[in-house]
Amino acid sequence: MKFVEANTIRELAEMIECKVLGDPNKLITGVNRIEEAGDSDLTFLADERYVQFLHLSKAGCIIISDSFKGIDDIKDKNFLLADNPRNAFNSLLILLDEKKKQKRRSFIHASAVIGNECNIHASAYISANCTIGDCVSIGENTVLMPGVVIADNVTIGKNTTIYANVSVYEDCEIGDNCIIHSGAVIGADGFGYQENEDGSYSKI
């Protein structure tokens, strides 16, 4: 996963209140698993059973427990020292994801088709080839990724992300802070059938 913009190790440390051990000015551009991380990647080590990866990893920076023994003997790597490396790593991903969302706000792509009488908040982000029906409401900081189809009379709350090629049927309501992943269909018919007296079935 790549960041929207490069961050120094010092900047990352300030985001999650960690101590830096190594070069605070080194630029980090993304995150990766410890065994696959490269020179500009951030990773973490939360379990000392996997300490062999600590010595083999090519990561530019590793979040590690501040109680890890022998850390001062490793001179060729950069570390962020945290009380709980896994939580620190997760917190950092959340903060960086929020920065990415902020970069995407206040935009409607020229290829988007928007119906009549819609209420789209000024901070919403509407990607390419989205289709939005009539009387749709889209809340603050909500993001529609490419190819999303929103039918008539749909209400979507704030801080919601709808990923590519999602379809939302008529009259649905989606709340705040939701994540809907690619290809989902919201509001489609169920699979229920009712048996009639003559033995035939009617779709519910």
N, C-alpha and C. Protein backbone atom coordinates (compact mmCIF):
# COMPACT_ATOMS: atom_id res chain seq x y z
N MET A 1 0.84 -1.18 0.00
CA MET A 1 0.00 0.00 0.00
C MET A 1 0.88 1.24 0.00
N LYS A 2 0.62 2.15 -0.92
CA LYS A 2 1.39 3.39 -1.02
C LYS A 2 0.62 4.55 -0.37
N PHE A 3 1.38 5.47 0.21
CA PHE A 3 0.79 6.66 0.79
C PHE A 3 0.43 7.65 -0.30
N VAL A 4 -0.46 8.59 0.02
CA VAL A 4 -0.77 9.68 -0.89
C VAL A 4 0.47 10.55 -1.11
N GLU A 5 1.23 10.72 -0.04
CA GLU A 5 2.48 11.48 -0.13
C GLU A 5 3.49 10.88 0.84
N ALA A 6 4.77 11.04 0.53
CA ALA A 6 5.82 10.50 1.39
C ALA A 6 5.84 11.21 2.74
N ASN A 7 6.20 10.49 3.78
CA ASN A 7 6.33 11.04 5.11
C ASN A 7 7.69 10.65 5.67
N THR A 8 8.31 11.54 6.43
CA THR A 8 9.53 11.17 7.12
C THR A 8 9.17 10.29 8.31
N ILE A 9 10.17 9.56 8.78
CA ILE A 9 9.95 8.74 9.97
C ILE A 9 9.56 9.61 11.16
N ARG A 10 10.14 10.80 11.25
CA ARG A 10 9.78 11.72 12.33
C ARG A 10 8.30 12.08 12.26
N GLU A 11 7.79 12.36 11.06
CA GLU A 11 6.38 12.71 10.91
C GLU A 11 5.47 11.55 11.30
N LEU A 12 5.85 10.35 10.91
CA LEU A 12 5.06 9.17 11.29
C LEU A 12 5.08 8.98 12.81
N ALA A 13 6.24 9.20 13.41
CA ALA A 13 6.37 9.06 14.87
C ALA A 13 5.46 10.05 15.59
N GLU A 14 5.38 11.27 15.08
CA GLU A 14 4.53 12.28 15.71
C GLU A 14 3.06 11.92 15.61
N MET A 15 2.67 11.26 14.52
CA MET A 15 1.26 10.88 14.35
C MET A 15 0.81 9.90 15.42
N ILE A 16 1.70 8.98 15.81
CA ILE A 16 1.30 7.92 16.75
C ILE A 16 2.10 7.97 18.05
N GLU A 17 2.80 9.08 18.27
CA GLU A 17 3.51 9.34 19.53
C GLU A 17 4.48 8.21 19.87
N CYS A 18 5.38 7.94 18.92
CA CYS A 18 6.40 6.92 19.12
C CYS A 18 7.79 7.56 19.14
N LYS A 19 8.72 6.88 19.77
CA LYS A 19 10.12 7.31 19.77
C LYS A 19 10.82 6.76 18.54
N VAL A 20 11.69 7.59 17.94
CA VAL A 20 12.45 7.19 16.76
C VAL A 20 13.81 6.67 17.18
N LEU A 21 14.20 5.54 16.61
CA LEU A 21 15.54 5.02 16.78
C LEU A 21 16.12 4.83 15.37
N GLY A 22 17.06 5.67 14.99
CA GLY A 22 17.61 5.64 13.64
C GLY A 22 17.52 7.00 12.98
N ASP A 23 17.34 7.03 11.67
CA ASP A 23 17.32 8.26 10.89
C ASP A 23 15.91 8.84 10.83
N PRO A 24 15.63 9.92 11.55
CA PRO A 24 14.27 10.48 11.56
C PRO A 24 13.87 11.16 10.25
N ASN A 25 14.83 11.44 9.38
CA ASN A 25 14.55 12.16 8.15
C ASN A 25 14.34 11.24 6.94
N LYS A 26 14.46 9.95 7.14
CA LYS A 26 14.26 9.03 6.03
C LYS A 26 12.81 9.07 5.57
N LEU A 27 12.61 9.08 4.24
CA LEU A 27 11.26 9.15 3.68
C LEU A 27 10.66 7.75 3.57
N ILE A 28 9.41 7.64 3.99
CA ILE A 28 8.65 6.40 3.88
C ILE A 28 7.47 6.66 2.96
N THR A 29 7.27 5.79 1.98
CA THR A 29 6.23 6.01 0.97
C THR A 29 5.08 5.01 1.02
N GLY A 30 5.19 3.97 1.86
CA GLY A 30 4.12 2.99 1.91
C GLY A 30 4.32 2.00 3.04
N VAL A 31 3.43 1.01 3.10
CA VAL A 31 3.51 -0.04 4.12
C VAL A 31 3.50 -1.41 3.44
N ASN A 32 4.06 -2.39 4.13
CA ASN A 32 4.10 -3.74 3.57
C ASN A 32 4.35 -4.75 4.68
N ARG A 33 4.19 -6.03 4.36
CA ARG A 33 4.51 -7.09 5.31
C ARG A 33 6.02 -7.09 5.54
N ILE A 34 6.42 -7.51 6.73
CA ILE A 34 7.82 -7.39 7.11
C ILE A 34 8.75 -8.17 6.18
N GLU A 35 8.28 -9.32 5.68
CA GLU A 35 9.13 -10.13 4.81
C GLU A 35 9.17 -9.62 3.37
N GLU A 36 8.26 -8.69 3.02
CA GLU A 36 8.20 -8.18 1.65
C GLU A 36 8.52 -6.68 1.56
N ALA A 37 8.67 -6.02 2.69
CA ALA A 37 8.87 -4.57 2.70
C ALA A 37 10.19 -4.18 2.05
N GLY A 38 10.18 -3.05 1.35
CA GLY A 38 11.38 -2.52 0.73
C GLY A 38 11.92 -1.33 1.50
N ASP A 39 12.92 -0.69 0.92
CA ASP A 39 13.66 0.37 1.61
C ASP A 39 12.82 1.58 1.96
N SER A 40 11.71 1.81 1.26
CA SER A 40 10.87 2.97 1.56
C SER A 40 9.55 2.57 2.22
N ASP A 41 9.47 1.33 2.72
CA ASP A 41 8.25 0.84 3.35
C ASP A 41 8.34 0.83 4.87
N LEU A 42 7.17 1.00 5.49
CA LEU A 42 7.02 0.84 6.94
C LEU A 42 6.37 -0.51 7.20
N THR A 43 6.81 -1.19 8.25
CA THR A 43 6.19 -2.43 8.66
C THR A 43 6.22 -2.51 10.19
N PHE A 44 5.84 -3.65 10.75
CA PHE A 44 5.88 -3.79 12.21
C PHE A 44 6.20 -5.23 12.59
N LEU A 45 6.71 -5.38 13.80
CA LEU A 45 6.97 -6.70 14.39
C LEU A 45 6.33 -6.71 15.77
N ALA A 46 5.29 -7.56 15.93
CA ALA A 46 4.56 -7.58 17.19
C ALA A 46 4.83 -8.83 18.01
N ASP A 47 5.43 -9.82 17.41
CA ASP A 47 5.63 -11.11 18.09
C ASP A 47 7.09 -11.51 17.95
N GLU A 48 7.77 -11.69 19.06
CA GLU A 48 9.20 -12.01 19.04
C GLU A 48 9.48 -13.39 18.46
N ARG A 49 8.45 -14.21 18.24
CA ARG A 49 8.65 -15.49 17.57
C ARG A 49 9.08 -15.30 16.11
N TYR A 50 8.80 -14.11 15.58
CA TYR A 50 9.16 -13.83 14.18
C TYR A 50 10.38 -12.92 14.10
N VAL A 51 11.22 -12.99 15.10
CA VAL A 51 12.37 -12.09 15.17
C VAL A 51 13.33 -12.29 14.00
N GLN A 52 13.32 -13.47 13.38
CA GLN A 52 14.21 -13.69 12.25
C GLN A 52 13.93 -12.72 11.11
N PHE A 53 12.66 -12.32 10.97
CA PHE A 53 12.32 -11.36 9.93
C PHE A 53 12.89 -9.98 10.24
N LEU A 54 13.10 -9.70 11.51
CA LEU A 54 13.66 -8.42 11.88
C LEU A 54 15.04 -8.23 11.27
N HIS A 55 15.83 -9.27 11.25
CA HIS A 55 17.18 -9.18 10.72
C HIS A 55 17.22 -9.31 9.20
N LEU A 56 16.23 -10.01 8.63
CA LEU A 56 16.20 -10.23 7.19
C LEU A 56 15.47 -9.12 6.42
N SER A 57 14.59 -8.40 7.12
CA SER A 57 13.75 -7.42 6.43
C SER A 57 14.57 -6.28 5.84
N LYS A 58 14.12 -5.81 4.68
CA LYS A 58 14.72 -4.65 4.03
C LYS A 58 13.90 -3.38 4.25
N ALA A 59 12.97 -3.43 5.19
CA ALA A 59 12.07 -2.30 5.44
C ALA A 59 12.84 -1.04 5.82
N GLY A 60 12.30 0.09 5.38
CA GLY A 60 12.91 1.37 5.74
C GLY A 60 12.69 1.73 7.18
N CYS A 61 11.61 1.22 7.77
CA CYS A 61 11.32 1.48 9.19
C CYS A 61 10.43 0.37 9.72
N ILE A 62 10.68 -0.01 10.96
CA ILE A 62 9.92 -1.09 11.58
C ILE A 62 9.38 -0.58 12.93
N ILE A 63 8.07 -0.74 13.13
CA ILE A 63 7.49 -0.45 14.44
C ILE A 63 7.70 -1.68 15.32
N ILE A 64 8.29 -1.48 16.47
CA ILE A 64 8.64 -2.60 17.35
C ILE A 64 8.37 -2.21 18.80
N SER A 65 8.23 -3.20 19.65
CA SER A 65 7.96 -2.93 21.06
C SER A 65 9.13 -2.19 21.71
N ASP A 66 8.80 -1.22 22.53
CA ASP A 66 9.85 -0.48 23.23
C ASP A 66 10.52 -1.32 24.32
N SER A 67 9.98 -2.52 24.57
CA SER A 67 10.60 -3.43 25.54
C SER A 67 11.39 -4.54 24.87
N PHE A 68 11.52 -4.47 23.54
CA PHE A 68 12.24 -5.51 22.80
C PHE A 68 13.71 -5.52 23.20
N LYS A 69 14.22 -6.68 23.58
CA LYS A 69 15.60 -6.79 24.03
C LYS A 69 16.56 -6.88 22.85
N GLY A 70 17.67 -6.20 22.94
CA GLY A 70 18.69 -6.26 21.91
C GLY A 70 18.53 -5.28 20.79
N ILE A 71 17.53 -4.38 20.89
CA ILE A 71 17.28 -3.44 19.81
C ILE A 71 18.45 -2.50 19.59
N ASP A 72 19.16 -2.16 20.65
CA ASP A 72 20.28 -1.22 20.52
C ASP A 72 21.46 -1.83 19.77
N ASP A 73 21.46 -3.14 19.64
CA ASP A 73 22.57 -3.81 18.94
C ASP A 73 22.38 -3.84 17.43
N ILE A 74 21.19 -3.45 16.96
CA ILE A 74 20.89 -3.46 15.53
C ILE A 74 21.13 -2.05 14.99
N LYS A 75 22.20 -1.85 14.26
CA LYS A 75 22.63 -0.51 13.89
C LYS A 75 22.20 -0.10 12.48
N ASP A 76 21.78 -1.05 11.64
CA ASP A 76 21.55 -0.74 10.23
C ASP A 76 20.08 -0.56 9.89
N LYS A 77 19.19 -0.40 10.89
CA LYS A 77 17.76 -0.27 10.64
C LYS A 77 17.17 0.90 11.42
N ASN A 78 16.02 1.34 10.96
CA ASN A 78 15.29 2.42 11.62
C ASN A 78 14.05 1.85 12.30
N PHE A 79 13.78 2.35 13.51
CA PHE A 79 12.66 1.81 14.29
C PHE A 79 11.78 2.93 14.84
N LEU A 80 10.51 2.59 15.00
CA LEU A 80 9.60 3.36 15.84
C LEU A 80 9.28 2.48 17.05
N LEU A 81 9.51 2.99 18.23
CA LEU A 81 9.31 2.21 19.45
C LEU A 81 7.93 2.50 20.03
N ALA A 82 7.13 1.45 20.16
CA ALA A 82 5.75 1.61 20.62
C ALA A 82 5.45 0.63 21.73
N ASP A 83 4.50 0.98 22.58
CA ASP A 83 4.07 0.09 23.65
C ASP A 83 3.39 -1.15 23.06
N ASN A 84 2.58 -0.93 22.00
CA ASN A 84 1.91 -2.03 21.31
C ASN A 84 2.08 -1.82 19.81
N PRO A 85 3.04 -2.50 19.19
CA PRO A 85 3.34 -2.25 17.77
C PRO A 85 2.16 -2.48 16.84
N ARG A 86 1.37 -3.51 17.09
CA ARG A 86 0.24 -3.79 16.22
C ARG A 86 -0.79 -2.66 16.27
N ASN A 87 -1.10 -2.20 17.47
CA ASN A 87 -2.05 -1.09 17.60
C ASN A 87 -1.51 0.19 17.00
N ALA A 88 -0.22 0.43 17.19
CA ALA A 88 0.40 1.63 16.63
C ALA A 88 0.34 1.60 15.10
N PHE A 89 0.63 0.46 14.52
CA PHE A 89 0.58 0.31 13.07
C PHE A 89 -0.83 0.53 12.55
N ASN A 90 -1.81 -0.07 13.23
CA ASN A 90 -3.20 0.09 12.81
C ASN A 90 -3.65 1.53 12.95
N SER A 91 -3.27 2.20 14.03
CA SER A 91 -3.64 3.60 14.22
C SER A 91 -3.06 4.47 13.12
N LEU A 92 -1.83 4.17 12.73
CA LEU A 92 -1.18 4.94 11.67
C LEU A 92 -1.90 4.74 10.34
N LEU A 93 -2.32 3.51 10.04
CA LEU A 93 -3.05 3.25 8.80
C LEU A 93 -4.36 4.03 8.77
N ILE A 94 -5.05 4.10 9.90
CA ILE A 94 -6.30 4.86 9.96
C ILE A 94 -6.05 6.34 9.69
N LEU A 95 -4.99 6.89 10.30
CA LEU A 95 -4.67 8.31 10.10
C LEU A 95 -4.29 8.60 8.66
N LEU A 96 -3.51 7.71 8.05
CA LEU A 96 -3.08 7.91 6.67
C LEU A 96 -4.24 7.73 5.70
N ASP A 97 -5.17 6.83 6.03
CA ASP A 97 -6.36 6.67 5.20
C ASP A 97 -7.22 7.92 5.25
N GLU A 98 -7.29 8.54 6.41
CA GLU A 98 -8.05 9.79 6.54
C GLU A 98 -7.41 10.90 5.70
N LYS A 99 -6.09 10.95 5.68
CA LYS A 99 -5.40 11.92 4.83
C LYS A 99 -5.72 11.68 3.36
N LYS A 100 -5.79 10.41 2.97
CA LYS A 100 -6.12 10.07 1.59
C LYS A 100 -7.53 10.53 1.25
N LYS A 101 -8.46 10.33 2.18
CA LYS A 101 -9.83 10.78 1.94
C LYS A 101 -9.91 12.29 1.81
N GLN A 102 -9.14 13.00 2.63
CA GLN A 102 -9.14 14.45 2.55
C GLN A 102 -8.67 14.94 1.19
N LYS A 103 -7.74 14.21 0.57
CA LYS A 103 -7.25 14.57 -0.76
C LYS A 103 -8.34 14.41 -1.81
N ARG A 104 -9.34 13.54 -1.52
CA ARG A 104 -10.34 13.20 -2.51
C ARG A 104 -11.60 14.06 -2.41
N ARG A 105 -11.67 14.95 -1.45
CA ARG A 105 -12.92 15.65 -1.21
C ARG A 105 -13.19 16.76 -2.21
N SER A 106 -14.46 17.12 -2.32
CA SER A 106 -14.90 18.28 -3.11
C SER A 106 -14.58 18.12 -4.59
N PHE A 107 -15.15 17.05 -5.19
CA PHE A 107 -14.87 16.81 -6.60
C PHE A 107 -16.02 16.03 -7.22
N ILE A 108 -16.41 16.42 -8.43
CA ILE A 108 -17.36 15.66 -9.23
C ILE A 108 -16.77 15.49 -10.61
N HIS A 109 -16.50 14.26 -11.02
CA HIS A 109 -15.87 14.00 -12.31
C HIS A 109 -16.82 14.39 -13.45
N ALA A 110 -16.24 14.86 -14.53
CA ALA A 110 -17.04 15.33 -15.67
C ALA A 110 -17.89 14.23 -16.27
N SER A 111 -17.49 12.97 -16.12
CA SER A 111 -18.24 11.86 -16.71
C SER A 111 -19.38 11.37 -15.82
N ALA A 112 -19.50 11.90 -14.62
CA ALA A 112 -20.58 11.48 -13.72
C ALA A 112 -21.92 12.00 -14.24
N VAL A 113 -22.96 11.18 -14.13
CA VAL A 113 -24.32 11.57 -14.54
C VAL A 113 -25.15 11.72 -13.28
N ILE A 114 -25.69 12.91 -13.08
CA ILE A 114 -26.42 13.23 -11.84
C ILE A 114 -27.83 13.66 -12.20
N GLY A 115 -28.82 13.05 -11.54
CA GLY A 115 -30.22 13.31 -11.83
C GLY A 115 -30.71 14.64 -11.26
N ASN A 116 -32.02 14.79 -11.28
CA ASN A 116 -32.66 16.03 -10.85
C ASN A 116 -32.91 16.03 -9.34
N GLU A 117 -32.92 17.24 -8.78
CA GLU A 117 -33.28 17.48 -7.38
C GLU A 117 -32.42 16.67 -6.41
N CYS A 118 -31.13 16.57 -6.71
CA CYS A 118 -30.20 15.89 -5.81
C CYS A 118 -29.60 16.87 -4.81
N ASN A 119 -29.28 16.36 -3.64
CA ASN A 119 -28.63 17.16 -2.61
C ASN A 119 -27.28 16.53 -2.29
N ILE A 120 -26.23 17.01 -2.96
CA ILE A 120 -24.89 16.46 -2.81
C ILE A 120 -24.04 17.46 -2.05
N HIS A 121 -23.52 17.06 -0.89
CA HIS A 121 -22.73 17.97 -0.07
C HIS A 121 -21.49 18.44 -0.84
N ALA A 122 -21.11 19.68 -0.58
CA ALA A 122 -19.98 20.28 -1.31
C ALA A 122 -18.68 19.54 -1.10
N SER A 123 -18.53 18.80 0.00
CA SER A 123 -17.30 18.08 0.29
C SER A 123 -17.28 16.66 -0.27
N ALA A 124 -18.37 16.21 -0.89
CA ALA A 124 -18.44 14.84 -1.42
C ALA A 124 -17.51 14.68 -2.62
N TYR A 125 -17.11 13.44 -2.86
CA TYR A 125 -16.21 13.12 -3.98
C TYR A 125 -16.93 12.10 -4.87
N ILE A 126 -17.20 12.49 -6.11
CA ILE A 126 -17.91 11.64 -7.06
C ILE A 126 -16.95 11.29 -8.18
N SER A 127 -16.58 10.02 -8.30
CA SER A 127 -15.57 9.59 -9.26
C SER A 127 -16.15 9.43 -10.66
N ALA A 128 -15.27 9.00 -11.58
CA ALA A 128 -15.64 8.84 -12.98
C ALA A 128 -16.74 7.79 -13.16
N ASN A 129 -17.64 8.07 -14.11
CA ASN A 129 -18.66 7.12 -14.57
C ASN A 129 -19.65 6.71 -13.49
N CYS A 130 -19.81 7.54 -12.47
CA CYS A 130 -20.88 7.29 -11.51
C CYS A 130 -22.21 7.75 -12.11
N THR A 131 -23.27 7.02 -11.77
CA THR A 131 -24.62 7.40 -12.21
C THR A 131 -25.48 7.57 -10.98
N ILE A 132 -26.06 8.75 -10.84
CA ILE A 132 -26.86 9.09 -9.66
C ILE A 132 -28.25 9.49 -10.13
N GLY A 133 -29.26 8.83 -9.57
CA GLY A 133 -30.63 9.07 -9.97
C GLY A 133 -31.20 10.37 -9.42
N ASP A 134 -32.51 10.52 -9.52
CA ASP A 134 -33.20 11.71 -9.05
C ASP A 134 -33.40 11.66 -7.53
N CYS A 135 -33.43 12.84 -6.93
CA CYS A 135 -33.77 13.00 -5.51
C CYS A 135 -32.85 12.20 -4.59
N VAL A 136 -31.57 12.19 -4.92
CA VAL A 136 -30.57 11.49 -4.10
C VAL A 136 -29.90 12.47 -3.16
N SER A 137 -29.65 12.05 -1.93
CA SER A 137 -28.94 12.87 -0.95
C SER A 137 -27.62 12.18 -0.59
N ILE A 138 -26.52 12.92 -0.70
CA ILE A 138 -25.19 12.39 -0.39
C ILE A 138 -24.54 13.31 0.63
N GLY A 139 -24.09 12.76 1.74
CA GLY A 139 -23.63 13.55 2.88
C GLY A 139 -22.19 14.01 2.80
N GLU A 140 -21.81 14.70 3.83
CA GLU A 140 -20.49 15.32 3.97
C GLU A 140 -19.36 14.29 3.91
N ASN A 141 -18.35 14.59 3.09
CA ASN A 141 -17.12 13.79 2.99
C ASN A 141 -17.35 12.36 2.49
N THR A 142 -18.48 12.10 1.89
CA THR A 142 -18.74 10.77 1.34
C THR A 142 -18.07 10.63 -0.02
N VAL A 143 -17.55 9.42 -0.30
CA VAL A 143 -16.79 9.16 -1.52
C VAL A 143 -17.47 8.06 -2.32
N LEU A 144 -17.72 8.33 -3.60
CA LEU A 144 -18.19 7.31 -4.53
C LEU A 144 -17.06 7.03 -5.51
N MET A 145 -16.58 5.79 -5.54
CA MET A 145 -15.51 5.41 -6.44
C MET A 145 -16.08 5.10 -7.83
N PRO A 146 -15.23 4.88 -8.84
CA PRO A 146 -15.72 4.78 -10.22
C PRO A 146 -16.78 3.70 -10.43
N GLY A 147 -17.76 4.06 -11.28
CA GLY A 147 -18.77 3.10 -11.71
C GLY A 147 -19.89 2.83 -10.74
N VAL A 148 -20.00 3.60 -9.67
CA VAL A 148 -21.09 3.40 -8.70
C VAL A 148 -22.41 3.86 -9.32
N VAL A 149 -23.46 3.08 -9.11
CA VAL A 149 -24.80 3.43 -9.59
C VAL A 149 -25.72 3.61 -8.39
N ILE A 150 -26.27 4.80 -8.26
CA ILE A 150 -27.19 5.13 -7.17
C ILE A 150 -28.55 5.42 -7.79
N ALA A 151 -29.58 4.65 -7.44
CA ALA A 151 -30.91 4.83 -8.01
C ALA A 151 -31.66 5.98 -7.33
N ASP A 152 -32.87 6.22 -7.76
CA ASP A 152 -33.67 7.34 -7.27
C ASP A 152 -33.97 7.23 -5.77
N ASN A 153 -34.07 8.39 -5.13
CA ASN A 153 -34.55 8.51 -3.75
C ASN A 153 -33.66 7.79 -2.73
N VAL A 154 -32.38 7.70 -3.02
CA VAL A 154 -31.44 7.09 -2.08
C VAL A 154 -30.84 8.17 -1.18
N THR A 155 -30.66 7.84 0.08
CA THR A 155 -30.00 8.73 1.03
C THR A 155 -28.73 8.07 1.54
N ILE A 156 -27.61 8.79 1.44
CA ILE A 156 -26.32 8.29 1.92
C ILE A 156 -25.78 9.30 2.93
N GLY A 157 -25.35 8.82 4.07
CA GLY A 157 -24.89 9.70 5.15
C GLY A 157 -23.50 10.27 4.89
N LYS A 158 -22.87 10.72 5.97
CA LYS A 158 -21.56 11.37 5.86
C LYS A 158 -20.43 10.37 6.13
N ASN A 159 -19.24 10.71 5.62
CA ASN A 159 -18.02 9.92 5.86
C ASN A 159 -18.17 8.46 5.43
N THR A 160 -18.94 8.23 4.39
CA THR A 160 -19.14 6.88 3.86
C THR A 160 -18.35 6.72 2.57
N THR A 161 -17.74 5.55 2.38
CA THR A 161 -17.01 5.25 1.15
C THR A 161 -17.68 4.08 0.45
N ILE A 162 -18.04 4.30 -0.81
CA ILE A 162 -18.64 3.25 -1.63
C ILE A 162 -17.68 2.96 -2.76
N TYR A 163 -17.15 1.74 -2.78
CA TYR A 163 -16.11 1.39 -3.74
C TYR A 163 -16.69 1.05 -5.11
N ALA A 164 -15.81 0.79 -6.07
CA ALA A 164 -16.17 0.71 -7.48
C ALA A 164 -17.27 -0.31 -7.77
N ASN A 165 -18.15 0.10 -8.70
CA ASN A 165 -19.16 -0.79 -9.29
C ASN A 165 -20.17 -1.33 -8.29
N VAL A 166 -20.44 -0.57 -7.26
CA VAL A 166 -21.53 -0.89 -6.34
C VAL A 166 -22.83 -0.35 -6.93
N SER A 167 -23.93 -1.09 -6.75
CA SER A 167 -25.26 -0.64 -7.16
C SER A 167 -26.14 -0.49 -5.92
N VAL A 168 -26.79 0.65 -5.81
CA VAL A 168 -27.72 0.90 -4.70
C VAL A 168 -29.09 1.14 -5.30
N TYR A 169 -30.06 0.29 -4.96
CA TYR A 169 -31.39 0.36 -5.56
C TYR A 169 -32.22 1.49 -4.94
N GLU A 170 -33.39 1.72 -5.55
CA GLU A 170 -34.27 2.81 -5.16
C GLU A 170 -34.64 2.77 -3.68
N ASP A 171 -34.74 3.98 -3.11
CA ASP A 171 -35.30 4.19 -1.77
C ASP A 171 -34.46 3.63 -0.62
N CYS A 172 -33.22 3.24 -0.90
CA CYS A 172 -32.36 2.74 0.19
C CYS A 172 -31.81 3.89 1.03
N GLU A 173 -31.52 3.59 2.27
CA GLU A 173 -30.87 4.54 3.16
C GLU A 173 -29.58 3.93 3.68
N ILE A 174 -28.46 4.62 3.47
CA ILE A 174 -27.15 4.19 3.95
C ILE A 174 -26.67 5.22 4.96
N GLY A 175 -26.21 4.78 6.10
CA GLY A 175 -25.90 5.69 7.19
C GLY A 175 -24.53 6.33 7.09
N ASP A 176 -24.08 6.85 8.23
CA ASP A 176 -22.77 7.50 8.33
C ASP A 176 -21.66 6.46 8.53
N ASN A 177 -20.45 6.82 8.10
CA ASN A 177 -19.23 6.04 8.40
C ASN A 177 -19.31 4.59 7.91
N CYS A 178 -19.95 4.38 6.77
CA CYS A 178 -20.06 3.04 6.20
C CYS A 178 -18.97 2.80 5.17
N ILE A 179 -18.61 1.55 4.98
CA ILE A 179 -17.73 1.13 3.89
C ILE A 179 -18.47 0.02 3.13
N ILE A 180 -18.68 0.24 1.83
CA ILE A 180 -19.34 -0.76 1.00
C ILE A 180 -18.35 -1.16 -0.09
N HIS A 181 -18.00 -2.42 -0.15
CA HIS A 181 -16.92 -2.85 -1.03
C HIS A 181 -17.40 -3.15 -2.45
N SER A 182 -16.43 -3.19 -3.35
CA SER A 182 -16.69 -3.29 -4.78
C SER A 182 -17.63 -4.44 -5.13
N GLY A 183 -18.57 -4.14 -6.03
CA GLY A 183 -19.46 -5.16 -6.57
C GLY A 183 -20.68 -5.45 -5.72
N ALA A 184 -20.81 -4.83 -4.55
CA ALA A 184 -21.97 -5.10 -3.71
C ALA A 184 -23.24 -4.53 -4.34
N VAL A 185 -24.35 -5.17 -4.03
CA VAL A 185 -25.67 -4.70 -4.47
C VAL A 185 -26.51 -4.47 -3.22
N ILE A 186 -26.94 -3.23 -3.03
CA ILE A 186 -27.70 -2.85 -1.84
C ILE A 186 -29.17 -2.65 -2.23
N GLY A 187 -30.07 -3.37 -1.56
CA GLY A 187 -31.50 -3.18 -1.79
C GLY A 187 -32.11 -4.08 -2.83
N ALA A 188 -31.36 -5.11 -3.28
CA ALA A 188 -31.91 -6.03 -4.28
C ALA A 188 -32.98 -6.93 -3.65
N ASP A 189 -33.79 -7.54 -4.51
CA ASP A 189 -34.81 -8.48 -4.04
C ASP A 189 -34.16 -9.63 -3.30
N GLY A 190 -34.90 -10.17 -2.35
CA GLY A 190 -34.44 -11.37 -1.67
C GLY A 190 -34.71 -12.61 -2.52
N PHE A 191 -34.52 -13.77 -1.93
CA PHE A 191 -34.68 -15.02 -2.67
C PHE A 191 -35.87 -15.83 -2.16
N GLY A 192 -36.83 -15.16 -1.55
CA GLY A 192 -37.96 -15.87 -0.99
C GLY A 192 -39.05 -16.16 -2.01
N TYR A 193 -39.72 -17.32 -1.84
CA TYR A 193 -40.85 -17.71 -2.68
C TYR A 193 -41.97 -18.23 -1.78
N GLN A 194 -43.19 -17.98 -2.21
CA GLN A 194 -44.36 -18.46 -1.46
C GLN A 194 -45.09 -19.50 -2.30
N GLU A 195 -45.39 -20.64 -1.70
CA GLU A 195 -46.10 -21.68 -2.43
C GLU A 195 -47.59 -21.37 -2.48
N ASN A 196 -48.16 -21.46 -3.66
CA ASN A 196 -49.59 -21.22 -3.86
C ASN A 196 -50.38 -22.52 -3.71
N GLU A 197 -51.71 -22.40 -3.62
CA GLU A 197 -52.57 -23.57 -3.42
C GLU A 197 -52.47 -24.56 -4.58
N ASP A 198 -52.19 -24.05 -5.79
CA ASP A 198 -52.11 -24.96 -6.95
C ASP A 198 -50.73 -25.57 -7.11
N GLY A 199 -49.84 -25.35 -6.14
CA GLY A 199 -48.51 -25.92 -6.20
C GLY A 199 -47.47 -25.04 -6.89
N SER A 200 -47.89 -23.95 -7.47
CA SER A 200 -46.96 -23.02 -8.08
C SER A 200 -46.35 -22.12 -7.01
N TYR A 201 -45.35 -21.34 -7.41
CA TYR A 201 -44.67 -20.46 -6.47
C TYR A 201 -44.71 -19.02 -6.95
N SER A 202 -44.88 -18.11 -6.02
CA SER A 202 -44.83 -16.68 -6.33
C SER A 202 -43.61 -16.08 -5.63
N LYS A 203 -42.89 -15.29 -6.38
CA LYS A 203 -41.70 -14.65 -5.80
C LYS A 203 -42.13 -13.58 -4.80
N ILE A 204 -41.43 -13.56 -3.67
CA ILE A 204 -41.70 -12.52 -2.67
C ILE A 204 -40.72 -11.39 -2.92
